[in-house]
Amino acid sequence: MKNFTLTVLLVMTTSLLFAQQDNKAKEILDKLSATTKSYKTIQIDFSFTLENQQEDIKETNSGWVALKGDKYRLHMPALGMDVYSDGKTNWSYLPDAGEVNVTDNTPGQNNSLNPANLFTIYEKGFKYRYIGEKKVDGKNAYVIDLYPKDLNKDFTRVKLYVDAAKYHIIKAITYSKDGNIYTVALKNMKTNVDLPDSYFKFDTSKHPDVDVIDMR
C-alpha cells in the first residue's frame, strides 16, 4: 500500500510538473506569436547547418528571408536559388540554370526547414514543452521542444530558442528521423521595412531569357 501511494504521488507530481512546463511553453509561444504578428514586415539573415555525426557531415550555408503576412522571399546564394511567394503562388528561381519553377503555395505542406516557416511553425500541429533557459550568443533564451502530433512526419522534434527579452526566435534545431540535424540560426532582424507586395512576386518581364516551368 505504501509503495502504491508513493507511485501515485510520483505520477501526480510528474503530471503537474509537465502541465506547468506546458503552460510556461504556451505563454512564451503566445507572446512570440503576438510579437511576430505586430510587425508589418520582417527581414532577417540566417545560417542553415546540416549535421550528421554518423556520416561525418557538417555543411553550413547562409542567406536571408523577408516576410510580409503570408508572403515571403528567400535568398540562398550558396544553393543558387531564390524563392518568391505571394501567399498563393511560389516561384523557385535558379539563375545558373536560367529557369524558374512555378507552383501553388500549399501552407499545409510547409516544412520546419524553411526559414520562412519558423515564425509560425509552432502555431499548429505540435505539442510543446518548456525545457528551461540558456545563453545563446550572449542572450538569455527560453528553450522549448516541439513534438509533431502527426507521427508520420520525417522529424521527431524541433528545439526552439526564443529571445527572453524581445520574444524573437534566435535559433531552431530540427531532429530528423534519418539522423540528420538541421540548425537554422537567425540574426540581424529588421522590422517594419517598407516592402511592396510586388517584392514577393517573380517578375518575368525583368528576366525575359528565363525558362518558365509552370508546374501548377
N, C-alpha and C. Protein backbone atom coordinates (compact mmCIF):
# COMPACT_ATOMS: atom_id res chain seq x y z
N MET A 1 0.84 -1.20 0.00
CA MET A 1 0.00 0.00 0.00
C MET A 1 0.87 1.25 0.00
N LYS A 2 1.96 1.20 0.79
CA LYS A 2 2.87 2.33 0.87
C LYS A 2 3.50 2.60 -0.49
N ASN A 3 3.94 1.51 -1.15
CA ASN A 3 4.56 1.66 -2.47
C ASN A 3 3.56 2.20 -3.48
N PHE A 4 2.32 1.74 -3.39
CA PHE A 4 1.27 2.21 -4.31
C PHE A 4 1.04 3.71 -4.12
N THR A 5 0.98 4.14 -2.86
CA THR A 5 0.76 5.55 -2.56
C THR A 5 1.90 6.41 -3.09
N LEU A 6 3.13 5.93 -2.91
CA LEU A 6 4.30 6.67 -3.42
C LEU A 6 4.27 6.76 -4.94
N THR A 7 3.85 5.67 -5.58
CA THR A 7 3.77 5.66 -7.05
C THR A 7 2.74 6.66 -7.54
N VAL A 8 1.58 6.69 -6.88
CA VAL A 8 0.52 7.63 -7.25
C VAL A 8 1.00 9.07 -7.08
N LEU A 9 1.67 9.33 -5.96
CA LEU A 9 2.18 10.68 -5.70
C LEU A 9 3.21 11.08 -6.74
N LEU A 10 4.06 10.13 -7.12
CA LEU A 10 5.09 10.41 -8.12
C LEU A 10 4.45 10.74 -9.46
N VAL A 11 3.45 9.96 -9.86
CA VAL A 11 2.76 10.20 -11.13
C VAL A 11 2.06 11.55 -11.11
N MET A 12 1.40 11.86 -9.99
CA MET A 12 0.70 13.14 -9.88
C MET A 12 1.68 14.31 -9.93
N THR A 13 2.82 14.17 -9.24
CA THR A 13 3.82 15.24 -9.23
C THR A 13 4.42 15.44 -10.61
N THR A 14 4.72 14.32 -11.29
CA THR A 14 5.29 14.41 -12.64
C THR A 14 4.30 15.04 -13.60
N SER A 15 3.03 14.64 -13.51
CA SER A 15 2.00 15.20 -14.39
C SER A 15 1.83 16.69 -14.16
N LEU A 16 1.86 17.10 -12.88
CA LEU A 16 1.74 18.52 -12.55
C LEU A 16 2.91 19.31 -13.09
N LEU A 17 4.12 18.72 -12.97
CA LEU A 17 5.32 19.39 -13.48
C LEU A 17 5.22 19.59 -14.99
N PHE A 18 4.81 18.54 -15.72
CA PHE A 18 4.67 18.65 -17.17
C PHE A 18 3.61 19.67 -17.53
N ALA A 19 2.51 19.72 -16.78
CA ALA A 19 1.45 20.70 -17.05
C ALA A 19 1.96 22.11 -16.87
N GLN A 20 2.76 22.33 -15.81
CA GLN A 20 3.34 23.65 -15.58
C GLN A 20 4.29 24.03 -16.70
N GLN A 21 5.08 23.05 -17.15
CA GLN A 21 6.02 23.30 -18.24
C GLN A 21 5.26 23.62 -19.53
N ASP A 22 4.17 22.89 -19.77
CA ASP A 22 3.36 23.15 -20.96
C ASP A 22 2.75 24.54 -20.91
N ASN A 23 2.28 24.94 -19.73
CA ASN A 23 1.70 26.28 -19.57
C ASN A 23 2.75 27.36 -19.80
N LYS A 24 3.95 27.12 -19.30
CA LYS A 24 5.05 28.06 -19.49
C LYS A 24 5.40 28.16 -20.97
N ALA A 25 5.46 27.01 -21.64
CA ALA A 25 5.76 27.00 -23.07
C ALA A 25 4.69 27.75 -23.85
N LYS A 26 3.42 27.51 -23.51
CA LYS A 26 2.32 28.18 -24.21
C LYS A 26 2.38 29.69 -24.01
N GLU A 27 2.70 30.11 -22.79
CA GLU A 27 2.80 31.54 -22.50
C GLU A 27 3.88 32.19 -23.36
N ILE A 28 5.02 31.53 -23.47
CA ILE A 28 6.13 32.06 -24.27
C ILE A 28 5.76 32.08 -25.75
N LEU A 29 5.18 30.99 -26.23
CA LEU A 29 4.82 30.90 -27.65
C LEU A 29 3.73 31.90 -28.01
N ASP A 30 2.80 32.14 -27.10
CA ASP A 30 1.75 33.14 -27.34
C ASP A 30 2.36 34.54 -27.47
N LYS A 31 3.33 34.85 -26.60
CA LYS A 31 3.99 36.15 -26.67
C LYS A 31 4.83 36.26 -27.93
N LEU A 32 5.47 35.16 -28.31
CA LEU A 32 6.25 35.14 -29.55
C LEU A 32 5.35 35.40 -30.74
N SER A 33 4.20 34.74 -30.77
CA SER A 33 3.25 34.91 -31.87
C SER A 33 2.73 36.34 -31.94
N ALA A 34 2.37 36.90 -30.78
CA ALA A 34 1.85 38.27 -30.75
C ALA A 34 2.90 39.27 -31.20
N THR A 35 4.14 39.07 -30.77
CA THR A 35 5.23 39.97 -31.16
C THR A 35 5.47 39.90 -32.66
N THR A 36 5.53 38.68 -33.19
CA THR A 36 5.77 38.49 -34.62
C THR A 36 4.67 39.12 -35.46
N LYS A 37 3.42 38.93 -35.05
CA LYS A 37 2.29 39.44 -35.82
C LYS A 37 2.13 40.96 -35.71
N SER A 38 2.82 41.56 -34.74
CA SER A 38 2.74 43.02 -34.59
C SER A 38 3.59 43.75 -35.63
N TYR A 39 4.48 43.01 -36.30
CA TYR A 39 5.34 43.62 -37.32
C TYR A 39 4.68 43.51 -38.70
N LYS A 40 4.72 44.59 -39.45
CA LYS A 40 4.19 44.56 -40.81
C LYS A 40 5.09 43.73 -41.72
N THR A 41 6.39 43.87 -41.53
CA THR A 41 7.35 43.09 -42.31
C THR A 41 8.52 42.69 -41.41
N ILE A 42 9.22 41.62 -41.82
CA ILE A 42 10.42 41.16 -41.12
C ILE A 42 11.47 40.83 -42.17
N GLN A 43 12.69 41.29 -41.93
CA GLN A 43 13.84 40.89 -42.74
C GLN A 43 14.90 40.35 -41.79
N ILE A 44 15.48 39.21 -42.12
CA ILE A 44 16.45 38.62 -41.20
C ILE A 44 17.45 37.74 -41.94
N ASP A 45 18.69 37.77 -41.49
CA ASP A 45 19.73 36.90 -42.03
C ASP A 45 19.68 35.56 -41.29
N PHE A 46 20.12 34.50 -41.97
CA PHE A 46 20.14 33.20 -41.31
C PHE A 46 21.33 32.37 -41.79
N SER A 47 21.71 31.42 -40.96
CA SER A 47 22.65 30.37 -41.37
C SER A 47 21.91 29.04 -41.23
N PHE A 48 22.18 28.13 -42.16
CA PHE A 48 21.49 26.84 -42.20
C PHE A 48 22.56 25.75 -42.17
N THR A 49 22.56 24.94 -41.12
CA THR A 49 23.59 23.91 -40.95
C THR A 49 22.96 22.52 -40.97
N LEU A 50 23.52 21.65 -41.81
CA LEU A 50 23.16 20.24 -41.84
C LEU A 50 24.28 19.44 -41.18
N GLU A 51 23.92 18.62 -40.20
CA GLU A 51 24.93 17.83 -39.50
C GLU A 51 24.46 16.40 -39.33
N ASN A 52 25.36 15.46 -39.62
CA ASN A 52 25.10 14.04 -39.38
C ASN A 52 26.40 13.44 -38.86
N GLN A 53 26.46 13.18 -37.57
CA GLN A 53 27.69 12.71 -36.95
C GLN A 53 28.10 11.34 -37.44
N GLN A 54 27.13 10.46 -37.69
CA GLN A 54 27.46 9.11 -38.16
C GLN A 54 28.10 9.13 -39.54
N GLU A 55 27.65 10.06 -40.38
CA GLU A 55 28.18 10.17 -41.73
C GLU A 55 29.32 11.20 -41.82
N ASP A 56 29.67 11.79 -40.68
CA ASP A 56 30.72 12.80 -40.61
C ASP A 56 30.45 13.95 -41.59
N ILE A 57 29.22 14.45 -41.53
CA ILE A 57 28.80 15.54 -42.42
C ILE A 57 28.49 16.78 -41.59
N LYS A 58 29.00 17.90 -42.03
CA LYS A 58 28.61 19.18 -41.44
C LYS A 58 28.78 20.25 -42.49
N GLU A 59 27.66 20.79 -42.95
CA GLU A 59 27.66 21.80 -44.01
C GLU A 59 26.83 23.00 -43.55
N THR A 60 27.36 24.19 -43.80
CA THR A 60 26.65 25.41 -43.41
C THR A 60 26.50 26.34 -44.60
N ASN A 61 25.30 26.82 -44.81
CA ASN A 61 25.01 27.81 -45.84
C ASN A 61 24.31 29.00 -45.18
N SER A 62 24.31 30.12 -45.87
CA SER A 62 23.68 31.31 -45.30
C SER A 62 22.78 31.97 -46.33
N GLY A 63 21.97 32.90 -45.86
CA GLY A 63 21.06 33.61 -46.75
C GLY A 63 20.25 34.62 -45.96
N TRP A 64 19.16 35.07 -46.55
CA TRP A 64 18.25 35.97 -45.85
C TRP A 64 16.82 35.68 -46.27
N VAL A 65 15.88 36.10 -45.43
CA VAL A 65 14.48 35.91 -45.72
C VAL A 65 13.73 37.19 -45.37
N ALA A 66 12.73 37.52 -46.19
CA ALA A 66 11.85 38.67 -45.94
C ALA A 66 10.43 38.14 -45.84
N LEU A 67 9.66 38.68 -44.90
CA LEU A 67 8.30 38.21 -44.65
C LEU A 67 7.33 39.37 -44.57
N LYS A 68 6.14 39.15 -45.11
CA LYS A 68 5.06 40.14 -45.02
C LYS A 68 3.74 39.38 -45.03
N GLY A 69 3.15 39.20 -43.85
CA GLY A 69 1.93 38.39 -43.79
C GLY A 69 2.22 36.97 -44.24
N ASP A 70 1.46 36.48 -45.23
CA ASP A 70 1.70 35.14 -45.75
C ASP A 70 2.65 35.14 -46.94
N LYS A 71 3.26 36.28 -47.21
CA LYS A 71 4.22 36.40 -48.31
C LYS A 71 5.64 36.24 -47.78
N TYR A 72 6.52 35.70 -48.62
CA TYR A 72 7.93 35.65 -48.22
C TYR A 72 8.84 35.62 -49.45
N ARG A 73 10.08 35.98 -49.19
CA ARG A 73 11.11 35.92 -50.23
C ARG A 73 12.37 35.39 -49.58
N LEU A 74 12.93 34.35 -50.19
CA LEU A 74 14.05 33.62 -49.60
C LEU A 74 15.24 33.65 -50.55
N HIS A 75 16.40 34.09 -50.04
CA HIS A 75 17.61 34.18 -50.86
C HIS A 75 18.66 33.23 -50.29
N MET A 76 19.07 32.23 -51.09
CA MET A 76 20.07 31.25 -50.67
C MET A 76 21.16 31.15 -51.73
N PRO A 77 22.14 32.06 -51.70
CA PRO A 77 23.15 32.12 -52.76
C PRO A 77 23.99 30.86 -52.90
N ALA A 78 24.32 30.20 -51.78
CA ALA A 78 25.15 29.00 -51.85
C ALA A 78 24.45 27.87 -52.59
N LEU A 79 23.13 27.86 -52.52
CA LEU A 79 22.34 26.84 -53.21
C LEU A 79 21.92 27.30 -54.60
N GLY A 80 22.26 28.55 -54.93
CA GLY A 80 21.91 29.08 -56.25
C GLY A 80 20.42 29.18 -56.48
N MET A 81 19.69 29.63 -55.46
CA MET A 81 18.23 29.65 -55.58
C MET A 81 17.63 30.84 -54.84
N ASP A 82 16.59 31.41 -55.44
CA ASP A 82 15.77 32.43 -54.80
C ASP A 82 14.32 31.96 -54.87
N VAL A 83 13.61 32.09 -53.77
CA VAL A 83 12.21 31.67 -53.73
C VAL A 83 11.34 32.88 -53.44
N TYR A 84 10.33 33.07 -54.27
CA TYR A 84 9.36 34.15 -54.09
C TYR A 84 8.00 33.51 -53.79
N SER A 85 7.23 34.11 -52.90
CA SER A 85 5.88 33.62 -52.66
C SER A 85 4.97 34.79 -52.28
N ASP A 86 3.86 34.92 -53.02
CA ASP A 86 2.89 35.97 -52.69
C ASP A 86 1.74 35.43 -51.86
N GLY A 87 1.93 34.22 -51.32
CA GLY A 87 0.91 33.59 -50.50
C GLY A 87 0.03 32.63 -51.27
N LYS A 88 -0.02 32.80 -52.59
CA LYS A 88 -0.82 31.92 -53.45
C LYS A 88 0.05 31.12 -54.40
N THR A 89 1.10 31.77 -54.91
CA THR A 89 1.98 31.16 -55.90
C THR A 89 3.42 31.23 -55.42
N ASN A 90 4.18 30.15 -55.67
CA ASN A 90 5.61 30.12 -55.38
C ASN A 90 6.41 30.11 -56.67
N TRP A 91 7.50 30.88 -56.69
CA TRP A 91 8.44 30.88 -57.81
C TRP A 91 9.81 30.50 -57.27
N SER A 92 10.36 29.41 -57.75
CA SER A 92 11.71 28.99 -57.36
C SER A 92 12.65 29.30 -58.52
N TYR A 93 13.44 30.34 -58.34
CA TYR A 93 14.29 30.86 -59.42
C TYR A 93 15.70 30.31 -59.28
N LEU A 94 16.18 29.68 -60.36
CA LEU A 94 17.52 29.12 -60.41
C LEU A 94 18.31 29.89 -61.46
N PRO A 95 19.04 30.94 -61.06
CA PRO A 95 19.74 31.80 -62.02
C PRO A 95 20.73 31.05 -62.90
N ASP A 96 21.50 30.13 -62.32
CA ASP A 96 22.51 29.40 -63.09
C ASP A 96 21.89 28.51 -64.15
N ALA A 97 20.71 27.97 -63.84
CA ALA A 97 20.02 27.10 -64.79
C ALA A 97 19.17 27.90 -65.76
N GLY A 98 18.96 29.18 -65.45
CA GLY A 98 18.15 30.03 -66.31
C GLY A 98 16.69 29.61 -66.35
N GLU A 99 16.16 29.17 -65.19
CA GLU A 99 14.77 28.74 -65.16
C GLU A 99 14.11 29.12 -63.85
N VAL A 100 12.79 29.18 -63.88
CA VAL A 100 12.00 29.42 -62.67
C VAL A 100 10.85 28.43 -62.66
N ASN A 101 10.70 27.71 -61.55
CA ASN A 101 9.62 26.74 -61.40
C ASN A 101 8.46 27.39 -60.65
N VAL A 102 7.27 27.29 -61.22
CA VAL A 102 6.09 27.92 -60.64
C VAL A 102 5.17 26.84 -60.07
N THR A 103 4.82 26.98 -58.79
CA THR A 103 3.94 26.02 -58.13
C THR A 103 2.92 26.76 -57.27
N ASP A 104 1.84 26.06 -56.93
CA ASP A 104 0.87 26.62 -55.98
C ASP A 104 1.48 26.60 -54.59
N ASN A 105 1.20 27.62 -53.81
CA ASN A 105 1.64 27.63 -52.43
C ASN A 105 0.65 26.82 -51.60
N THR A 106 1.15 25.82 -50.90
CA THR A 106 0.31 24.97 -50.07
C THR A 106 0.79 25.07 -48.64
N PRO A 107 0.19 25.95 -47.83
CA PRO A 107 0.65 26.16 -46.45
C PRO A 107 0.74 24.89 -45.63
N GLY A 108 -0.18 23.96 -45.84
CA GLY A 108 -0.18 22.73 -45.06
C GLY A 108 1.04 21.87 -45.29
N GLN A 109 1.75 22.13 -46.42
CA GLN A 109 2.93 21.34 -46.73
C GLN A 109 4.22 22.05 -46.33
N ASN A 110 4.09 23.22 -45.70
CA ASN A 110 5.29 23.93 -45.27
C ASN A 110 6.07 23.07 -44.28
N ASN A 111 7.39 23.08 -44.39
CA ASN A 111 8.20 22.25 -43.51
C ASN A 111 9.03 23.09 -42.56
N SER A 112 9.54 22.42 -41.54
CA SER A 112 10.26 23.12 -40.47
C SER A 112 11.63 23.61 -40.91
N LEU A 113 12.11 23.19 -42.08
CA LEU A 113 13.45 23.56 -42.52
C LEU A 113 13.47 24.87 -43.28
N ASN A 114 12.33 25.33 -43.73
CA ASN A 114 12.25 26.59 -44.44
C ASN A 114 12.30 27.73 -43.42
N PRO A 115 13.33 28.60 -43.49
CA PRO A 115 13.42 29.69 -42.51
C PRO A 115 12.18 30.57 -42.46
N ALA A 116 11.47 30.67 -43.58
CA ALA A 116 10.26 31.49 -43.62
C ALA A 116 9.15 30.91 -42.74
N ASN A 117 9.23 29.60 -42.46
CA ASN A 117 8.17 28.95 -41.69
C ASN A 117 8.42 28.98 -40.18
N LEU A 118 9.63 29.32 -39.77
CA LEU A 118 9.96 29.26 -38.35
C LEU A 118 9.09 30.17 -37.50
N PHE A 119 8.61 31.26 -38.09
CA PHE A 119 7.88 32.25 -37.31
C PHE A 119 6.44 31.82 -37.00
N THR A 120 5.98 30.75 -37.66
CA THR A 120 4.60 30.30 -37.43
C THR A 120 4.50 28.79 -37.22
N ILE A 121 5.60 28.06 -37.32
CA ILE A 121 5.56 26.60 -37.29
C ILE A 121 4.92 26.06 -36.02
N TYR A 122 5.11 26.76 -34.91
CA TYR A 122 4.64 26.27 -33.61
C TYR A 122 3.13 26.45 -33.42
N GLU A 123 2.46 27.14 -34.33
CA GLU A 123 1.06 27.50 -34.11
C GLU A 123 0.10 26.33 -34.31
N LYS A 124 0.47 25.37 -35.15
CA LYS A 124 -0.43 24.25 -35.43
C LYS A 124 0.36 22.94 -35.52
N GLY A 125 -0.29 21.87 -35.07
CA GLY A 125 0.25 20.53 -35.28
C GLY A 125 1.37 20.10 -34.35
N PHE A 126 1.56 20.81 -33.24
CA PHE A 126 2.65 20.46 -32.33
C PHE A 126 2.19 20.40 -30.88
N LYS A 127 2.79 19.49 -30.14
CA LYS A 127 2.78 19.54 -28.69
C LYS A 127 4.05 20.27 -28.28
N TYR A 128 4.06 20.87 -27.11
CA TYR A 128 5.25 21.63 -26.73
C TYR A 128 5.56 21.44 -25.25
N ARG A 129 6.83 21.67 -24.94
CA ARG A 129 7.28 21.52 -23.55
C ARG A 129 8.39 22.53 -23.27
N TYR A 130 8.26 23.24 -22.19
CA TYR A 130 9.28 24.20 -21.76
C TYR A 130 10.45 23.43 -21.13
N ILE A 131 11.67 23.70 -21.61
CA ILE A 131 12.85 22.99 -21.14
C ILE A 131 13.62 23.80 -20.10
N GLY A 132 13.74 25.11 -20.33
CA GLY A 132 14.48 25.95 -19.40
C GLY A 132 15.06 27.16 -20.11
N GLU A 133 16.09 27.76 -19.52
CA GLU A 133 16.76 28.92 -20.11
C GLU A 133 18.21 28.57 -20.43
N LYS A 134 18.74 29.24 -21.46
CA LYS A 134 20.12 29.00 -21.87
C LYS A 134 20.67 30.26 -22.53
N LYS A 135 21.97 30.47 -22.39
CA LYS A 135 22.63 31.58 -23.07
C LYS A 135 22.92 31.20 -24.51
N VAL A 136 22.50 32.04 -25.44
CA VAL A 136 22.76 31.82 -26.87
C VAL A 136 23.32 33.11 -27.44
N ASP A 137 24.57 33.08 -27.86
CA ASP A 137 25.22 34.28 -28.40
C ASP A 137 25.09 35.47 -27.45
N GLY A 138 25.26 35.19 -26.16
CA GLY A 138 25.22 36.25 -25.16
C GLY A 138 23.83 36.69 -24.73
N LYS A 139 22.80 36.05 -25.30
CA LYS A 139 21.42 36.42 -24.97
C LYS A 139 20.76 35.32 -24.13
N ASN A 140 19.92 35.74 -23.19
CA ASN A 140 19.12 34.77 -22.45
C ASN A 140 18.00 34.27 -23.35
N ALA A 141 17.89 32.96 -23.47
CA ALA A 141 16.89 32.38 -24.37
C ALA A 141 16.06 31.33 -23.64
N TYR A 142 14.76 31.35 -23.92
CA TYR A 142 13.89 30.27 -23.48
C TYR A 142 14.05 29.11 -24.45
N VAL A 143 14.08 27.90 -23.92
CA VAL A 143 14.22 26.71 -24.77
C VAL A 143 12.92 25.91 -24.69
N ILE A 144 12.34 25.65 -25.85
CA ILE A 144 11.07 24.91 -25.92
C ILE A 144 11.21 23.79 -26.94
N ASP A 145 10.81 22.59 -26.57
CA ASP A 145 10.79 21.47 -27.50
C ASP A 145 9.39 21.34 -28.11
N LEU A 146 9.35 21.21 -29.43
CA LEU A 146 8.10 20.99 -30.16
C LEU A 146 8.08 19.56 -30.68
N TYR A 147 6.98 18.86 -30.48
CA TYR A 147 6.83 17.49 -30.94
C TYR A 147 5.65 17.42 -31.90
N PRO A 148 5.85 16.91 -33.13
CA PRO A 148 4.74 16.85 -34.08
C PRO A 148 3.66 15.88 -33.63
N LYS A 149 2.41 16.31 -33.74
CA LYS A 149 1.29 15.43 -33.40
C LYS A 149 1.16 14.32 -34.44
N ASP A 150 1.51 14.63 -35.68
CA ASP A 150 1.49 13.64 -36.75
C ASP A 150 2.79 12.84 -36.69
N LEU A 151 2.70 11.60 -36.24
CA LEU A 151 3.89 10.77 -36.07
C LEU A 151 4.50 10.32 -37.40
N ASN A 152 3.82 10.60 -38.50
CA ASN A 152 4.36 10.24 -39.82
C ASN A 152 5.30 11.31 -40.37
N LYS A 153 5.45 12.42 -39.65
CA LYS A 153 6.39 13.44 -40.07
C LYS A 153 7.80 12.85 -40.11
N ASP A 154 8.67 13.42 -40.95
CA ASP A 154 10.02 12.87 -41.09
C ASP A 154 10.99 13.41 -40.05
N PHE A 155 10.47 14.09 -39.03
CA PHE A 155 11.32 14.55 -37.93
C PHE A 155 10.61 14.26 -36.61
N THR A 156 11.40 14.19 -35.54
CA THR A 156 10.84 13.82 -34.24
C THR A 156 10.67 15.01 -33.30
N ARG A 157 11.45 16.08 -33.54
CA ARG A 157 11.43 17.18 -32.57
C ARG A 157 12.04 18.42 -33.18
N VAL A 158 11.54 19.58 -32.76
CA VAL A 158 12.14 20.87 -33.10
C VAL A 158 12.44 21.59 -31.78
N LYS A 159 13.70 21.94 -31.59
CA LYS A 159 14.09 22.68 -30.38
C LYS A 159 14.17 24.16 -30.73
N LEU A 160 13.33 24.95 -30.08
CA LEU A 160 13.20 26.37 -30.39
C LEU A 160 13.85 27.21 -29.29
N TYR A 161 14.66 28.19 -29.71
CA TYR A 161 15.29 29.12 -28.77
C TYR A 161 14.68 30.50 -28.99
N VAL A 162 14.08 31.05 -27.94
CA VAL A 162 13.36 32.33 -28.04
C VAL A 162 14.04 33.37 -27.16
N ASP A 163 14.37 34.51 -27.75
CA ASP A 163 14.98 35.62 -27.00
C ASP A 163 14.07 35.99 -25.83
N ALA A 164 14.60 35.90 -24.61
CA ALA A 164 13.78 36.12 -23.41
C ALA A 164 13.40 37.58 -23.23
N ALA A 165 14.13 38.49 -23.87
CA ALA A 165 13.85 39.92 -23.72
C ALA A 165 12.93 40.45 -24.82
N LYS A 166 13.18 40.01 -26.05
CA LYS A 166 12.45 40.56 -27.20
C LYS A 166 11.38 39.62 -27.76
N TYR A 167 11.40 38.37 -27.34
CA TYR A 167 10.48 37.37 -27.88
C TYR A 167 10.62 37.25 -29.39
N HIS A 168 11.87 37.13 -29.82
CA HIS A 168 12.22 36.81 -31.20
C HIS A 168 12.84 35.42 -31.22
N ILE A 169 12.68 34.71 -32.31
CA ILE A 169 13.34 33.42 -32.45
C ILE A 169 14.83 33.65 -32.72
N ILE A 170 15.67 32.97 -31.96
CA ILE A 170 17.12 33.06 -32.15
C ILE A 170 17.62 31.89 -32.98
N LYS A 171 17.08 30.71 -32.68
CA LYS A 171 17.59 29.50 -33.33
C LYS A 171 16.54 28.40 -33.25
N ALA A 172 16.58 27.49 -34.24
CA ALA A 172 15.72 26.31 -34.22
C ALA A 172 16.52 25.11 -34.70
N ILE A 173 16.41 24.01 -33.99
CA ILE A 173 17.13 22.78 -34.36
C ILE A 173 16.10 21.69 -34.62
N THR A 174 16.14 21.12 -35.82
CA THR A 174 15.21 20.05 -36.20
C THR A 174 15.95 18.72 -36.22
N TYR A 175 15.40 17.74 -35.51
CA TYR A 175 16.00 16.40 -35.43
C TYR A 175 15.22 15.46 -36.35
N SER A 176 15.88 15.05 -37.43
CA SER A 176 15.23 14.22 -38.43
C SER A 176 15.34 12.74 -38.07
N LYS A 177 14.40 11.94 -38.56
CA LYS A 177 14.41 10.50 -38.29
C LYS A 177 15.57 9.79 -38.97
N ASP A 178 16.15 10.40 -40.01
CA ASP A 178 17.27 9.77 -40.71
C ASP A 178 18.63 10.08 -40.08
N GLY A 179 18.61 10.74 -38.92
CA GLY A 179 19.87 11.05 -38.24
C GLY A 179 20.42 12.42 -38.53
N ASN A 180 19.82 13.12 -39.49
CA ASN A 180 20.28 14.48 -39.80
C ASN A 180 19.77 15.47 -38.74
N ILE A 181 20.60 16.45 -38.44
CA ILE A 181 20.23 17.54 -37.54
C ILE A 181 20.35 18.84 -38.31
N TYR A 182 19.27 19.59 -38.40
CA TYR A 182 19.24 20.84 -39.15
C TYR A 182 19.11 22.01 -38.18
N THR A 183 20.06 22.93 -38.26
CA THR A 183 20.04 24.10 -37.38
C THR A 183 19.89 25.37 -38.20
N VAL A 184 18.88 26.15 -37.89
CA VAL A 184 18.68 27.46 -38.51
C VAL A 184 18.90 28.52 -37.43
N ALA A 185 19.93 29.34 -37.61
CA ALA A 185 20.23 30.42 -36.66
C ALA A 185 19.89 31.75 -37.31
N LEU A 186 19.19 32.61 -36.58
CA LEU A 186 18.72 33.88 -37.11
C LEU A 186 19.45 35.05 -36.45
N LYS A 187 19.71 36.10 -37.25
CA LYS A 187 20.38 37.29 -36.70
C LYS A 187 20.08 38.50 -37.58
N ASN A 188 20.45 39.68 -37.07
CA ASN A 188 20.28 40.94 -37.81
C ASN A 188 18.82 41.15 -38.25
N MET A 189 17.92 41.04 -37.32
CA MET A 189 16.50 41.18 -37.62
C MET A 189 16.11 42.65 -37.78
N LYS A 190 15.42 42.95 -38.89
CA LYS A 190 14.88 44.28 -39.13
C LYS A 190 13.36 44.15 -39.27
N THR A 191 12.64 45.10 -38.72
CA THR A 191 11.18 45.01 -38.76
C THR A 191 10.57 46.27 -39.37
N ASN A 192 9.38 46.10 -39.92
CA ASN A 192 8.58 47.20 -40.47
C ASN A 192 9.29 47.97 -41.58
N VAL A 193 10.12 47.26 -42.34
CA VAL A 193 10.72 47.85 -43.54
C VAL A 193 9.65 47.90 -44.62
N ASP A 194 9.62 48.99 -45.38
CA ASP A 194 8.60 49.15 -46.41
C ASP A 194 8.89 48.23 -47.59
N LEU A 195 8.11 47.18 -47.74
CA LEU A 195 8.28 46.22 -48.82
C LEU A 195 6.95 46.09 -49.58
N PRO A 196 6.91 46.54 -50.84
CA PRO A 196 5.66 46.43 -51.61
C PRO A 196 5.33 44.97 -51.91
N ASP A 197 4.08 44.69 -52.19
CA ASP A 197 3.66 43.32 -52.49
C ASP A 197 4.41 42.76 -53.70
N SER A 198 4.76 43.63 -54.64
CA SER A 198 5.47 43.19 -55.85
C SER A 198 6.84 42.60 -55.53
N TYR A 199 7.39 42.94 -54.36
CA TYR A 199 8.70 42.45 -53.94
C TYR A 199 8.68 40.93 -53.77
N PHE A 200 7.50 40.37 -53.56
CA PHE A 200 7.36 38.95 -53.28
C PHE A 200 6.87 38.15 -54.49
N LYS A 201 6.87 38.79 -55.66
CA LYS A 201 6.50 38.12 -56.90
C LYS A 201 7.67 38.13 -57.86
N PHE A 202 7.86 37.03 -58.56
CA PHE A 202 8.91 36.96 -59.57
C PHE A 202 8.42 37.66 -60.83
N ASP A 203 9.15 38.67 -61.27
CA ASP A 203 8.75 39.47 -62.43
C ASP A 203 9.43 38.92 -63.68
N THR A 204 8.66 38.19 -64.49
CA THR A 204 9.22 37.59 -65.69
C THR A 204 9.66 38.63 -66.70
N SER A 205 9.07 39.83 -66.66
CA SER A 205 9.44 40.87 -67.62
C SER A 205 10.87 41.36 -67.39
N LYS A 206 11.36 41.19 -66.17
CA LYS A 206 12.74 41.59 -65.86
C LYS A 206 13.73 40.47 -66.14
N HIS A 207 13.20 39.30 -66.48
CA HIS A 207 14.05 38.14 -66.80
C HIS A 207 13.52 37.49 -68.07
N PRO A 208 13.59 38.19 -69.20
CA PRO A 208 12.98 37.69 -70.44
C PRO A 208 13.59 36.39 -70.96
N ASP A 209 14.84 36.10 -70.59
CA ASP A 209 15.51 34.90 -71.11
C ASP A 209 15.33 33.68 -70.21
N VAL A 210 14.61 33.83 -69.13
CA VAL A 210 14.42 32.72 -68.19
C VAL A 210 13.32 31.78 -68.69
N ASP A 211 13.59 30.48 -68.59
CA ASP A 211 12.61 29.47 -68.98
C ASP A 211 11.62 29.28 -67.83
N VAL A 212 10.35 29.59 -68.06
CA VAL A 212 9.32 29.47 -67.03
C VAL A 212 8.69 28.08 -67.11
N ILE A 213 8.83 27.31 -66.03
CA ILE A 213 8.26 25.96 -65.97
C ILE A 213 7.08 25.98 -65.01
N ASP A 214 5.88 26.00 -65.56
CA ASP A 214 4.66 26.08 -64.75
C ASP A 214 4.23 24.67 -64.34
N MET A 215 4.34 24.38 -63.05
CA MET A 215 4.05 23.03 -62.54
C MET A 215 2.71 22.97 -61.81
N ARG A 216 1.87 23.99 -62.00
CA ARG A 216 0.58 24.01 -61.33
C ARG A 216 -0.44 23.11 -62.05
